[in-house]
């Protein structure tokens, strides 16, 4: 009986230590990102993901960081490296957590980054995929503010590109802000971004 109690205590201690290490690692990665050290943050998330094999979040953030970095990059080699890495890690995240609306949005963002970099090359082949991803995400999570806002942002960008009125999509942006107000992430590390961007987009709608 004593041996069983000791084994149980050891298991609980090991589990708690593992969770503590995970939390510290994730906090450090977010801290680095907040300090503008995006590459270091990506590397930290990557190291966490190599240990947290059943956790989609570290892989998601590697993909997100590299996607964001690519939007400010003009060199095709660097863009390819960043977006190929983003795709590699979002594929891992998808395998861990299929039909996840947050991951679907991130996949759409990767495609959008390619389109933003070279619309003539990637616009025709990827635009339809982006539309389908947002439709799927919206069906899975119609109350998720990032899904509603990201789809609206894509719709506005498409309308603007084709010289169409973007105003009809402002109501979707406004709805996303209402959803942000009541949205509660599953944990401190689950995606919670988007509210500031939505508010800025809505402010431009009213000009």
Protein backbone atom coordinates (compact mmCIF):
# COMPACT_ATOMS: atom_id res chain seq x y z
CA UNK A 1 0.00 0.00 0.00
CA UNK A 2 2.88 2.33 0.85
CA UNK A 3 4.49 1.54 -2.51
CA UNK A 4 1.23 2.38 -4.32
CA UNK A 5 0.96 5.68 -2.45
CA UNK A 6 4.58 6.52 -3.28
CA UNK A 7 4.07 5.73 -6.97
CA UNK A 8 0.90 7.83 -7.05
CA UNK A 9 2.68 10.76 -5.37
CA UNK A 10 5.59 10.46 -7.80
CA UNK A 11 3.19 10.47 -10.76
CA UNK A 12 1.35 13.55 -9.49
CA UNK A 13 4.63 15.33 -8.74
CA UNK A 14 6.01 14.51 -12.20
CA UNK A 15 2.79 15.65 -13.88
CA UNK A 16 2.75 18.91 -11.91
CA UNK A 17 6.41 19.54 -12.68
CA UNK A 18 5.75 18.94 -16.38
CA UNK A 19 2.82 21.34 -16.40
CA UNK A 20 4.89 23.90 -14.51
CA UNK A 21 7.72 23.63 -17.05
CA UNK A 22 5.20 23.99 -19.88
CA UNK A 23 3.66 27.10 -18.30
CA UNK A 24 7.05 28.69 -17.70
CA UNK A 25 8.14 27.94 -21.25
CA UNK A 26 4.97 29.35 -22.78
CA UNK A 27 5.15 32.48 -20.61
CA UNK A 28 8.78 33.00 -21.64
CA UNK A 29 7.90 32.57 -25.32
CA UNK A 30 5.10 35.13 -25.09
CA UNK A 31 7.41 37.48 -23.20
CA UNK A 32 10.02 37.26 -25.96
CA UNK A 33 7.34 37.89 -28.58
CA UNK A 34 6.08 40.90 -26.64
CA UNK A 35 9.63 42.28 -26.54
CA UNK A 36 9.78 42.12 -30.34
CA UNK A 37 12.02 39.04 -30.37
CA UNK A 38 9.78 37.10 -32.73
CA UNK A 39 12.40 34.65 -34.00
CA UNK A 40 13.49 33.78 -30.45
CA UNK A 41 9.84 33.33 -29.47
CA UNK A 42 9.24 31.04 -32.45
CA UNK A 43 12.26 28.95 -31.47
CA UNK A 44 10.98 28.70 -27.90
CA UNK A 45 7.53 27.57 -29.05
CA UNK A 46 9.24 25.06 -31.33
CA UNK A 47 11.21 23.60 -28.42
CA UNK A 48 8.04 23.35 -26.32
CA UNK A 49 6.27 21.63 -29.21
CA UNK A 50 9.02 19.02 -29.44
CA UNK A 51 8.10 17.94 -25.89
CA UNK A 52 4.35 18.66 -25.87
CA UNK A 53 3.55 16.15 -28.59
CA UNK A 54 -0.22 16.15 -27.98
CA UNK A 55 -0.59 19.92 -27.60
CA UNK A 56 -1.46 21.94 -30.71
CA UNK A 57 -0.80 25.35 -29.20
CA UNK A 58 3.03 25.58 -29.48
CA UNK A 59 2.87 24.48 -33.12
CA UNK A 60 0.10 26.99 -33.80
CA UNK A 61 2.20 29.86 -32.46
CA UNK A 62 5.26 28.86 -34.51
CA UNK A 63 3.01 29.02 -37.56
CA UNK A 64 1.45 32.32 -36.51
CA UNK A 65 4.75 34.08 -35.82
CA UNK A 66 6.30 33.02 -39.11
CA UNK A 67 3.17 34.05 -41.00
CA UNK A 68 3.16 37.50 -39.40
CA UNK A 69 6.87 37.96 -40.15
CA UNK A 70 6.29 37.12 -43.82
CA UNK A 71 3.86 40.02 -44.30
CA UNK A 72 6.72 42.49 -43.80
CA UNK A 73 9.24 40.60 -45.92
CA UNK A 74 10.01 41.37 -49.57
CA UNK A 75 12.70 38.76 -50.19
CA UNK A 76 11.13 35.67 -51.79
CA UNK A 77 13.66 33.28 -50.26
CA UNK A 78 12.91 34.52 -46.75
CA UNK A 79 9.16 34.55 -47.37
CA UNK A 80 9.33 30.98 -48.64
CA UNK A 81 11.33 29.89 -45.59
CA UNK A 82 8.90 31.55 -43.20
CA UNK A 83 5.70 30.36 -44.85
CA UNK A 84 7.03 26.85 -45.48
CA UNK A 85 7.85 26.66 -41.78
CA UNK A 86 4.42 28.04 -40.90
CA UNK A 87 2.81 25.39 -43.10
CA UNK A 88 4.91 22.62 -41.58
CA UNK A 89 3.86 23.53 -38.05
CA UNK A 90 0.20 24.20 -38.81
CA UNK A 91 0.09 20.75 -40.42
CA UNK A 92 1.30 19.28 -37.13
CA UNK A 93 -1.29 21.31 -35.22
CA UNK A 94 -4.03 20.06 -37.59
CA UNK A 95 -2.96 16.46 -37.02
CA UNK A 96 -3.20 16.94 -33.25
CA UNK A 97 -6.47 18.89 -33.32
CA UNK A 98 -8.53 18.34 -36.49
CA UNK A 99 -11.48 20.60 -37.31
CA UNK A 100 -10.17 23.29 -35.00
CA UNK A 101 -11.50 26.73 -36.05
CA UNK A 102 -8.43 28.55 -34.67
CA UNK A 103 -6.17 26.36 -36.80
CA UNK A 104 -8.40 26.83 -39.85
CA UNK A 105 -8.08 30.61 -39.46
CA UNK A 106 -4.31 30.31 -39.20
CA UNK A 107 -4.20 28.14 -42.32
CA UNK A 108 -6.23 30.81 -44.14
CA UNK A 109 -3.73 33.42 -42.96
CA UNK A 110 -0.82 31.43 -44.42
CA UNK A 111 -2.57 31.34 -47.79
CA UNK A 112 -3.36 35.06 -47.46
CA UNK A 113 0.30 35.82 -46.81
CA UNK A 114 1.24 34.09 -50.07
CA UNK A 115 -1.44 36.06 -51.92
CA UNK A 116 -0.26 39.33 -50.34
CA UNK A 117 3.30 38.57 -51.39
CA UNK A 118 2.47 37.71 -55.01
CA UNK A 119 -1.17 37.96 -55.94
CA UNK A 120 -0.54 37.29 -59.61
CA UNK A 121 1.06 33.93 -58.83
CA UNK A 122 -0.99 32.76 -55.86
CA UNK A 123 -4.28 34.65 -56.02
CA UNK A 124 -6.11 32.32 -58.38
CA UNK A 125 -4.96 29.09 -56.74
CA UNK A 126 -5.35 30.08 -53.08
CA UNK A 127 -8.26 32.54 -52.88
CA UNK A 128 -10.86 29.81 -53.19
CA UNK A 129 -9.12 27.81 -50.46
CA UNK A 130 -9.22 30.81 -48.12
CA UNK A 131 -12.95 31.28 -48.74
CA UNK A 132 -13.56 27.58 -48.06
CA UNK A 133 -11.50 27.64 -44.85
CA UNK A 134 -13.42 30.60 -43.44
CA UNK A 135 -16.72 29.00 -44.39
CA UNK A 136 -15.70 25.80 -42.57
CA UNK A 137 -14.45 27.71 -39.53
CA UNK A 138 -17.67 29.74 -39.38
CA UNK A 139 -19.75 26.58 -39.52
CA UNK A 140 -17.74 25.04 -36.68
CA UNK A 141 -17.58 28.13 -34.48
CA UNK A 142 -20.03 30.90 -35.48
CA UNK A 143 -19.51 32.62 -32.11
CA UNK A 144 -15.71 32.68 -32.27
CA UNK A 145 -14.70 36.35 -32.65
CA UNK A 146 -11.47 35.58 -34.54
CA UNK A 147 -13.39 33.52 -37.08
CA UNK A 148 -15.99 36.25 -37.62
CA UNK A 149 -13.43 39.06 -37.78
CA UNK A 150 -10.87 37.26 -39.94
CA UNK A 151 -13.54 36.30 -42.46
CA UNK A 152 -14.81 39.89 -42.52
CA UNK A 153 -11.27 41.20 -42.99
CA UNK A 154 -10.74 38.81 -45.91
CA UNK A 155 -14.08 39.79 -47.45
CA UNK A 156 -13.19 43.48 -47.14
CA UNK A 157 -9.79 42.94 -48.72
CA UNK A 158 -11.32 41.02 -51.61
CA UNK A 159 -14.00 43.67 -52.16
CA UNK A 160 -11.39 46.42 -52.12
CA UNK A 161 -9.19 44.55 -54.61
CA UNK A 162 -12.09 44.26 -57.06
CA UNK A 163 -13.19 47.86 -56.53
CA UNK A 164 -16.33 46.92 -54.62
CA UNK A 165 -17.89 48.55 -51.56
CA UNK A 166 -16.44 47.25 -48.27
CA UNK A 167 -19.15 48.81 -46.09
CA UNK A 168 -21.43 45.72 -46.05
CA UNK A 169 -18.74 43.85 -44.10
CA UNK A 170 -18.46 46.48 -41.37
CA UNK A 171 -21.44 44.92 -39.61
CA UNK A 172 -19.50 41.65 -39.38
CA UNK A 173 -16.55 43.49 -37.85
CA UNK A 174 -18.91 45.12 -35.36
CA UNK A 175 -20.39 41.73 -34.50
CA UNK A 176 -16.90 40.30 -33.92
CA UNK A 177 -16.20 43.07 -31.38
CA UNK A 178 -19.38 42.13 -29.52
CA UNK A 179 -18.20 38.52 -29.51
CA UNK A 180 -14.73 39.52 -28.27
CA UNK A 181 -16.37 41.18 -25.26
CA UNK A 182 -17.78 37.85 -24.09
CA UNK A 183 -15.09 35.47 -25.34
CA UNK A 184 -13.22 33.43 -22.74
CA UNK A 185 -10.13 31.50 -23.92
CA UNK A 186 -9.87 27.92 -22.66
CA UNK A 187 -6.56 28.76 -20.96
CA UNK A 188 -4.07 31.58 -20.60
CA UNK A 189 -2.28 30.23 -23.67
CA UNK A 190 -5.20 29.72 -26.04
CA UNK A 191 -5.64 32.28 -28.83
CA UNK A 192 -7.17 35.56 -27.66
CA UNK A 193 -5.87 37.99 -30.29
CA UNK A 194 -7.86 40.15 -32.66
CA UNK A 195 -9.90 42.64 -30.65
CA UNK A 196 -7.56 45.61 -31.20
CA UNK A 197 -7.40 44.94 -34.93
CA UNK A 198 -11.16 44.60 -35.14
CA UNK A 199 -11.66 47.91 -33.32
CA UNK A 200 -9.17 49.65 -35.63
CA UNK A 201 -10.90 48.19 -38.66
CA UNK A 202 -14.30 49.35 -37.40
CA UNK A 203 -12.93 52.84 -36.78
CA UNK A 204 -11.87 52.99 -40.43
CA UNK A 205 -15.35 51.80 -41.43
CA UNK A 206 -16.83 54.92 -39.87
CA UNK A 207 -14.59 57.37 -41.71
